[in-house]
Amino acid sequence: MNALLDNRVPPPLVALLCAIGAWRVSVATKATALAFEPLLWLAVILCVTGSLTALAGMLEFRRQRTTVNPLAPDKATSLVSGGVFQYTRNPMYVGLAILLAGIGLALGNWLAFLWLLLFVLYIQLFQIYPEERAMLALFGDQFKTYCAKARRWL
């Protein structure tokens, strides 16, 4: 089953659009940025952690010499299961979600978190499911075994 949006929009662009949406909601509702310093630091920690998690996933793909292009999962040349991929099958998307959580917290508006939810739903439906179908077609039982060991998100 191929949906119109399957693997069509790069996930970093989806994350950027969601971050802009979160910011626009905060502006429209006249939310103020965090003044409570511990929460602001937590927001920074989330943003840094999310960025580093996504970067770790990208670097592991490069190390395995397989495509990082999320629009062409059928071009994968190896099943990446080492490094951060031992803990999650989608560290780049987990990282982007953590980054969006940090942005939402920094904006100080709970409505901004609706954009995080939208990101997770979009990525699940139009990126992860199609990628999993491609990985199953390419790697068969090896991918099934990997799925039993590593969670889709966390």
Protein backbone atom coordinates (compact mmCIF):
# COMPACT_ATOMS: atom_id res chain seq x y z
CA MET A 1 0.00 0.00 0.00
CA ASN A 2 1.56 3.26 -1.13
CA ALA A 3 0.05 6.48 0.11
CA LEU A 4 0.47 9.73 -1.77
CA LEU A 5 2.78 11.11 0.94
CA ASP A 6 4.91 7.98 1.50
CA ASN A 7 8.58 9.02 1.58
CA ARG A 8 7.83 12.30 -0.20
CA VAL A 9 8.80 15.00 2.29
CA PRO A 10 12.23 14.87 3.97
CA PRO A 11 11.76 14.41 7.74
CA PRO A 12 14.03 17.38 8.61
CA LEU A 13 11.72 19.57 6.51
CA VAL A 14 8.68 18.12 8.31
CA ALA A 15 10.39 18.92 11.64
CA LEU A 16 11.19 22.46 10.48
CA LEU A 17 7.59 23.04 9.38
CA CYS A 18 6.36 21.74 12.74
CA ALA A 19 8.80 24.01 14.60
CA ILE A 20 7.53 26.98 12.58
CA GLY A 21 3.95 25.91 13.33
CA ALA A 22 4.74 25.70 17.05
CA TRP A 23 6.29 29.16 16.95
CA ARG A 24 3.31 30.59 15.04
CA VAL A 25 0.89 29.11 17.59
CA SER A 26 2.93 30.67 20.38
CA VAL A 27 2.90 34.06 18.66
CA ALA A 28 -0.82 33.83 17.89
CA THR A 29 -1.65 32.98 21.51
CA LYS A 30 0.79 35.60 22.80
CA ALA A 31 2.76 33.06 24.78
CA THR A 32 5.98 34.26 26.33
CA ALA A 33 9.24 32.40 26.22
CA LEU A 34 10.33 30.68 29.39
CA ALA A 35 11.50 32.92 32.17
CA PHE A 36 11.92 30.08 34.66
CA GLU A 37 15.60 29.29 34.20
CA PRO A 38 15.59 25.56 35.11
CA LEU A 39 12.93 24.87 32.46
CA LEU A 40 14.86 26.91 29.93
CA TRP A 41 17.94 24.80 30.64
CA LEU A 42 15.84 21.67 30.24
CA ALA A 43 14.68 22.98 26.86
CA VAL A 44 18.30 23.54 25.83
CA ILE A 45 19.28 20.06 27.03
CA LEU A 46 16.41 18.54 25.02
CA CYS A 47 17.41 20.46 21.88
CA VAL A 48 21.06 19.42 22.19
CA THR A 49 20.18 15.80 23.03
CA GLY A 50 17.78 15.58 20.10
CA SER A 51 20.31 17.04 17.70
CA LEU A 52 23.07 14.70 18.88
CA THR A 53 20.78 11.66 18.69
CA ALA A 54 19.83 12.45 15.10
CA LEU A 55 23.47 13.11 14.23
CA ALA A 56 24.54 9.78 15.78
CA GLY A 57 22.05 8.01 13.52
CA MET A 58 23.34 9.79 10.44
CA LEU A 59 26.95 9.03 11.31
CA GLU A 60 26.16 5.34 11.80
CA PHE A 61 24.57 5.24 8.33
CA ARG A 62 27.71 6.84 6.89
CA ARG A 63 29.91 4.39 8.79
CA GLN A 64 27.95 1.50 7.28
CA ARG A 65 28.16 3.16 3.84
CA THR A 66 24.44 3.06 3.19
CA THR A 67 22.08 5.77 2.04
CA VAL A 68 20.97 8.44 4.47
CA ASN A 69 18.32 9.59 2.00
CA PRO A 70 14.94 9.06 3.71
CA LEU A 71 13.15 9.44 0.39
CA ALA A 72 14.74 6.29 -1.05
CA PRO A 73 14.78 3.57 1.63
CA ASP A 74 14.81 0.91 -1.09
CA LYS A 75 18.35 2.02 -1.96
CA ALA A 76 19.73 0.81 1.39
CA THR A 77 22.76 -1.42 0.96
CA SER A 78 22.99 -2.67 4.53
CA LEU A 79 20.78 -3.10 7.57
CA VAL A 80 22.15 -0.73 10.19
CA SER A 81 21.71 -2.19 13.67
CA GLY A 82 24.79 -1.02 15.55
CA GLY A 83 25.53 2.10 17.55
CA VAL A 84 22.43 4.06 18.52
CA PHE A 85 20.37 1.72 16.32
CA GLN A 86 20.69 -0.92 19.06
CA TYR A 87 18.24 1.13 21.12
CA THR A 88 15.85 2.49 18.51
CA ARG A 89 15.23 1.68 14.87
CA ASN A 90 14.71 5.37 14.12
CA PRO A 91 17.21 7.50 16.06
CA MET A 92 17.10 10.32 13.53
CA TYR A 93 13.33 10.68 13.95
CA VAL A 94 13.56 10.23 17.72
CA GLY A 95 16.20 12.97 17.73
CA LEU A 96 14.00 15.33 15.72
CA ALA A 97 11.08 14.63 18.07
CA ILE A 98 13.23 15.38 21.13
CA LEU A 99 14.42 18.58 19.44
CA LEU A 100 10.80 19.62 18.82
CA ALA A 101 9.98 18.87 22.47
CA GLY A 102 12.78 21.22 23.50
CA ILE A 103 11.52 23.91 21.16
CA GLY A 104 7.98 23.50 22.49
CA LEU A 105 9.22 23.80 26.06
CA ALA A 106 11.29 26.87 25.24
CA LEU A 107 8.27 28.52 23.63
CA GLY A 108 6.38 28.12 26.90
CA ASN A 109 3.11 27.15 25.25
CA TRP A 110 1.51 23.74 25.64
CA LEU A 111 -0.21 24.16 22.25
CA ALA A 112 3.24 23.99 20.66
CA PHE A 113 3.34 20.34 21.70
CA LEU A 114 0.47 19.61 19.32
CA TRP A 115 2.99 20.16 16.53
CA LEU A 116 5.24 17.54 18.12
CA LEU A 117 2.32 15.11 18.07
CA LEU A 118 1.63 15.98 14.43
CA PHE A 119 5.29 15.34 13.60
CA VAL A 120 5.28 11.93 15.27
CA LEU A 121 2.05 10.90 13.55
CA TYR A 122 3.22 12.08 10.13
CA ILE A 123 6.61 10.38 10.44
CA GLN A 124 5.01 7.16 11.70
CA LEU A 125 2.50 6.95 8.86
CA PHE A 126 4.37 8.36 5.89
CA GLN A 127 8.01 7.67 6.68
CA ILE A 128 8.50 4.80 9.13
CA TYR A 129 5.85 2.41 7.81
CA PRO A 130 7.06 2.76 4.18
CA GLU A 131 10.68 2.40 5.31
CA GLU A 132 9.82 -0.76 7.22
CA ARG A 133 8.13 -2.24 4.16
CA ALA A 134 11.25 -1.46 2.11
CA MET A 135 13.57 -2.94 4.76
CA LEU A 136 11.46 -6.09 4.97
CA ALA A 137 11.60 -6.48 1.19
CA LEU A 138 15.38 -5.93 1.16
CA PHE A 139 16.48 -7.79 4.27
CA GLY A 140 13.65 -10.23 5.10
CA ASP A 141 14.24 -12.33 8.22
CA GLN A 142 17.30 -10.29 9.18
CA PHE A 143 15.04 -7.23 9.48
CA LYS A 144 12.39 -9.20 11.42
CA THR A 145 15.05 -10.31 13.91
CA TYR A 146 16.27 -6.72 14.27
CA CYS A 147 12.69 -5.49 14.84
CA ALA A 148 12.36 -7.97 17.71
CA LYS A 149 15.48 -6.50 19.36
CA ALA A 150 15.10 -2.74 18.80
CA ARG A 151 11.99 -0.66 19.36
CA ARG A 152 10.52 1.53 16.65
CA TRP A 153 10.77 4.73 18.73
CA LEU A 154 12.06 4.23 22.28
